[in-house]
Amino acid sequence: MRTEPPGPQHEWLDGDAGPVVRPYTLTGGRVRSAAGGFDLVAFVLAAADLDPAAQPQLPPEHRRLVALAGRPVSVAELATELDLAVGVIRVLLGDLLAQGLVAVHEPPASRDLPNDDILKAVVSGLRAL
């Protein structure tokens, strides 16, 4: 009796043999995205009215990413959903971004946020009220 392993199922996973394709084979051996790195908490959103099933030229992993990005989802969540390394997800997202199939919304850089002194002054001012 053959039992399926728990978790997401992949076309490149054999229930008896385990992985039959190494994760970085999915990226063609690339370890960096051409679009740069994506923060783990960056949100990904598929292009409006995009049907991943209508994109037969896309590999299955790319189509799955587009389908999952139908609602805003973080890079970390995508890695978890697809059960792939974050590095692989970043490369695949770079491919999709270059094709205009997804948009990536990065969190504000820490330099854009107020520094601790300003926040302390605000808290002190509020306490003085």
C-alpha atoms as a PDB file:
ATOM      1  CA  MET A   1       0.000   0.000   0.000  1.00  0.00           C
ATOM      2  CA  ARG A   2       1.482   3.326  -1.095  1.00  0.00           C
ATOM      3  CA  THR A   3       0.870   6.367   1.086  1.00  0.00           C
ATOM      4  CA  GLU A   4       1.406   9.939   0.030  1.00  0.00           C
ATOM      5  CA  PRO A   5       3.736  12.051   2.176  1.00  0.00           C
ATOM      6  CA  PRO A   6       2.091  14.904   4.106  1.00  0.00           C
ATOM      7  CA  GLY A   7       2.398  18.447   2.857  1.00  0.00           C
ATOM      8  CA  PRO A   8       2.326  20.015  -0.610  1.00  0.00           C
ATOM      9  CA  GLN A   9       2.657  17.693  -3.568  1.00  0.00           C
ATOM     10  CA  HIS A  10       5.065  18.504  -6.378  1.00  0.00           C
ATOM     11  CA  GLU A  11       5.375  17.214  -9.893  1.00  0.00           C
ATOM     12  CA  TRP A  12       9.063  16.614  -9.156  1.00  0.00           C
ATOM     13  CA  LEU A  13       8.454  14.555  -6.008  1.00  0.00           C
ATOM     14  CA  ASP A  14       8.012  10.795  -6.049  1.00  0.00           C
ATOM     15  CA  GLY A  15       6.279   9.439  -2.914  1.00  0.00           C
ATOM     16  CA  ASP A  16       8.580   6.412  -2.761  1.00  0.00           C
ATOM     17  CA  ALA A  17      11.853   7.825  -4.037  1.00  0.00           C
ATOM     18  CA  GLY A  18      11.682  11.339  -2.596  1.00  0.00           C
ATOM     19  CA  PRO A  19      12.839  14.392  -4.554  1.00  0.00           C
ATOM     20  CA  VAL A  20      13.697  13.531  -8.124  1.00  0.00           C
ATOM     21  CA  VAL A  21      14.706  17.079  -9.043  1.00  0.00           C
ATOM     22  CA  ARG A  22      16.965  19.224  -6.883  1.00  0.00           C
ATOM     23  CA  PRO A  23      15.367  22.570  -5.938  1.00  0.00           C
ATOM     24  CA  TYR A  24      17.973  24.679  -7.744  1.00  0.00           C
ATOM     25  CA  THR A  25      17.264  22.773 -10.936  1.00  0.00           C
ATOM     26  CA  LEU A  26      14.004  24.715 -10.937  1.00  0.00           C
ATOM     27  CA  THR A  27      15.998  27.928 -11.265  1.00  0.00           C
ATOM     28  CA  GLY A  28      18.388  26.659 -13.919  1.00  0.00           C
ATOM     29  CA  GLY A  29      21.190  26.722 -11.359  1.00  0.00           C
ATOM     30  CA  ARG A  30      20.719  30.429 -10.657  1.00  0.00           C
ATOM     31  CA  VAL A  31      21.042  31.397  -7.016  1.00  0.00           C
ATOM     32  CA  ARG A  32      20.281  35.118  -7.352  1.00  0.00           C
ATOM     33  CA  SER A  33      17.329  36.849  -8.913  1.00  0.00           C
ATOM     34  CA  ALA A  34      18.052  39.204 -11.784  1.00  0.00           C
ATOM     35  CA  ALA A  35      15.633  41.635 -10.115  1.00  0.00           C
ATOM     36  CA  GLY A  36      17.625  41.665  -6.866  1.00  0.00           C
ATOM     37  CA  GLY A  37      16.775  40.231  -3.493  1.00  0.00           C
ATOM     38  CA  PHE A  38      13.321  40.277  -1.983  1.00  0.00           C
ATOM     39  CA  ASP A  39      12.739  40.806   1.719  1.00  0.00           C
ATOM     40  CA  LEU A  40      11.036  37.892   3.480  1.00  0.00           C
ATOM     41  CA  VAL A  41       8.138  40.132   4.491  1.00  0.00           C
ATOM     42  CA  ALA A  42       7.751  41.738   1.053  1.00  0.00           C
ATOM     43  CA  PHE A  43       4.271  41.225  -0.351  1.00  0.00           C
ATOM     44  CA  VAL A  44       3.718  39.702  -3.761  1.00  0.00           C
ATOM     45  CA  LEU A  45       0.576  40.302  -5.793  1.00  0.00           C
ATOM     46  CA  ALA A  46      -0.275  38.853  -9.196  1.00  0.00           C
ATOM     47  CA  ALA A  47      -1.132  41.211 -12.025  1.00  0.00           C
ATOM     48  CA  ALA A  48      -4.823  42.046 -12.136  1.00  0.00           C
ATOM     49  CA  ASP A  49      -7.065  39.600 -14.014  1.00  0.00           C
ATOM     50  CA  LEU A  50      -4.185  37.195 -14.627  1.00  0.00           C
ATOM     51  CA  ASP A  51      -5.177  33.556 -14.976  1.00  0.00           C
ATOM     52  CA  PRO A  52      -2.135  31.329 -14.323  1.00  0.00           C
ATOM     53  CA  ALA A  53      -3.811  28.459 -16.203  1.00  0.00           C
ATOM     54  CA  ALA A  54      -3.842  30.690 -19.307  1.00  0.00           C
ATOM     55  CA  GLN A  55      -0.046  30.878 -19.168  1.00  0.00           C
ATOM     56  CA  PRO A  56       0.957  27.453 -20.579  1.00  0.00           C
ATOM     57  CA  GLN A  57       4.504  28.638 -21.323  1.00  0.00           C
ATOM     58  CA  LEU A  58       5.168  29.055 -17.592  1.00  0.00           C
ATOM     59  CA  PRO A  59       6.709  26.160 -15.677  1.00  0.00           C
ATOM     60  CA  PRO A  60       4.415  24.651 -13.009  1.00  0.00           C
ATOM     61  CA  GLU A  61       6.199  26.356 -10.100  1.00  0.00           C
ATOM     62  CA  HIS A  62       5.801  29.772 -11.721  1.00  0.00           C
ATOM     63  CA  ARG A  63       2.097  29.116 -12.366  1.00  0.00           C
ATOM     64  CA  ARG A  64       1.640  28.050  -8.740  1.00  0.00           C
ATOM     65  CA  LEU A  65       3.344  31.242  -7.496  1.00  0.00           C
ATOM     66  CA  VAL A  66       1.058  33.376  -9.664  1.00  0.00           C
ATOM     67  CA  ALA A  67      -1.994  31.473  -8.408  1.00  0.00           C
ATOM     68  CA  LEU A  68      -0.957  31.948  -4.768  1.00  0.00           C
ATOM     69  CA  ALA A  69      -0.279  35.641  -5.378  1.00  0.00           C
ATOM     70  CA  GLY A  70      -3.889  36.249  -6.351  1.00  0.00           C
ATOM     71  CA  ARG A  71      -4.095  37.842  -2.916  1.00  0.00           C
ATOM     72  CA  PRO A  72      -1.232  39.694  -1.215  1.00  0.00           C
ATOM     73  CA  VAL A  73       1.143  37.094   0.203  1.00  0.00           C
ATOM     74  CA  SER A  74       4.626  37.403   1.691  1.00  0.00           C
ATOM     75  CA  VAL A  75       7.741  35.829   0.192  1.00  0.00           C
ATOM     76  CA  ALA A  76       8.097  33.707   3.335  1.00  0.00           C
ATOM     77  CA  GLU A  77       4.537  32.386   2.973  1.00  0.00           C
ATOM     78  CA  LEU A  78       5.171  31.469  -0.662  1.00  0.00           C
ATOM     79  CA  ALA A  79       8.261  29.491   0.325  1.00  0.00           C
ATOM     80  CA  THR A  80       6.219  27.660   2.939  1.00  0.00           C
ATOM     81  CA  GLU A  81       3.297  26.971   0.611  1.00  0.00           C
ATOM     82  CA  LEU A  82       5.519  25.585  -2.142  1.00  0.00           C
ATOM     83  CA  ASP A  83       7.873  23.849   0.297  1.00  0.00           C
ATOM     84  CA  LEU A  84      10.886  25.353  -1.474  1.00  0.00           C
ATOM     85  CA  ALA A  85      13.949  27.214  -0.251  1.00  0.00           C
ATOM     86  CA  VAL A  86      13.535  30.982   0.013  1.00  0.00           C
ATOM     87  CA  GLY A  87      16.428  31.425  -2.426  1.00  0.00           C
ATOM     88  CA  VAL A  88      14.560  29.409  -5.048  1.00  0.00           C
ATOM     89  CA  ILE A  89      11.379  31.429  -4.475  1.00  0.00           C
ATOM     90  CA  ARG A  90      13.310  34.688  -4.864  1.00  0.00           C
ATOM     91  CA  VAL A  91      14.740  33.583  -8.220  1.00  0.00           C
ATOM     92  CA  LEU A  92      11.333  32.419  -9.478  1.00  0.00           C
ATOM     93  CA  LEU A  93       9.732  35.683  -8.330  1.00  0.00           C
ATOM     94  CA  GLY A  94      12.427  37.617 -10.178  1.00  0.00           C
ATOM     95  CA  ASP A  95      11.450  35.765 -13.360  1.00  0.00           C
ATOM     96  CA  LEU A  96       7.774  36.601 -12.841  1.00  0.00           C
ATOM     97  CA  LEU A  97       8.548  40.225 -11.997  1.00  0.00           C
ATOM     98  CA  ALA A  98      10.613  40.600 -15.184  1.00  0.00           C
ATOM     99  CA  GLN A  99       7.641  39.303 -17.209  1.00  0.00           C
ATOM    100  CA  GLY A 100       5.251  41.708 -15.473  1.00  0.00           C
ATOM    101  CA  LEU A 101       3.172  38.866 -14.032  1.00  0.00           C
ATOM    102  CA  VAL A 102       3.584  39.907 -10.390  1.00  0.00           C
ATOM    103  CA  ALA A 103       4.304  43.043  -8.410  1.00  0.00           C
ATOM    104  CA  VAL A 104       6.498  42.979  -5.311  1.00  0.00           C
ATOM    105  CA  HIS A 105       5.873  45.518  -2.568  1.00  0.00           C
ATOM    106  CA  GLU A 106       8.892  45.856  -0.293  1.00  0.00           C
ATOM    107  CA  PRO A 107       8.531  47.058   3.306  1.00  0.00           C
ATOM    108  CA  PRO A 108       9.855  50.542   3.970  1.00  0.00           C
ATOM    109  CA  ALA A 109      13.590  50.652   4.536  1.00  0.00           C
ATOM    110  CA  SER A 110      14.637  51.282   8.127  1.00  0.00           C
ATOM    111  CA  ARG A 111      16.299  54.526   7.082  1.00  0.00           C
ATOM    112  CA  ASP A 112      12.871  55.810   6.025  1.00  0.00           C
ATOM    113  CA  LEU A 113      11.452  55.216   9.497  1.00  0.00           C
ATOM    114  CA  PRO A 114      11.815  57.781  12.282  1.00  0.00           C
ATOM    115  CA  ASN A 115      14.821  57.241  14.522  1.00  0.00           C
ATOM    116  CA  ASP A 116      14.527  56.325  18.200  1.00  0.00           C
ATOM    117  CA  ASP A 117      15.110  59.887  19.406  1.00  0.00           C
ATOM    118  CA  ILE A 118      12.083  61.179  17.513  1.00  0.00           C
ATOM    119  CA  LEU A 119       9.906  58.336  18.794  1.00  0.00           C
ATOM    120  CA  LYS A 120      11.046  58.971  22.390  1.00  0.00           C
ATOM    121  CA  ALA A 121      10.238  62.675  22.000  1.00  0.00           C
ATOM    122  CA  VAL A 122       6.750  61.833  20.727  1.00  0.00           C
ATOM    123  CA  VAL A 123       6.122  59.455  23.654  1.00  0.00           C
ATOM    124  CA  SER A 124       7.378  62.084  26.117  1.00  0.00           C
ATOM    125  CA  GLY A 125       5.107  64.704  24.523  1.00  0.00           C
ATOM    126  CA  LEU A 126       2.115  62.380  24.752  1.00  0.00           C
ATOM    127  CA  ARG A 127       2.834  61.624  28.387  1.00  0.00           C
ATOM    128  CA  ALA A 128       3.045  65.350  29.139  1.00  0.00           C
ATOM    129  CA  LEU A 129      -0.545  65.802  27.892  1.00  0.00           C
END
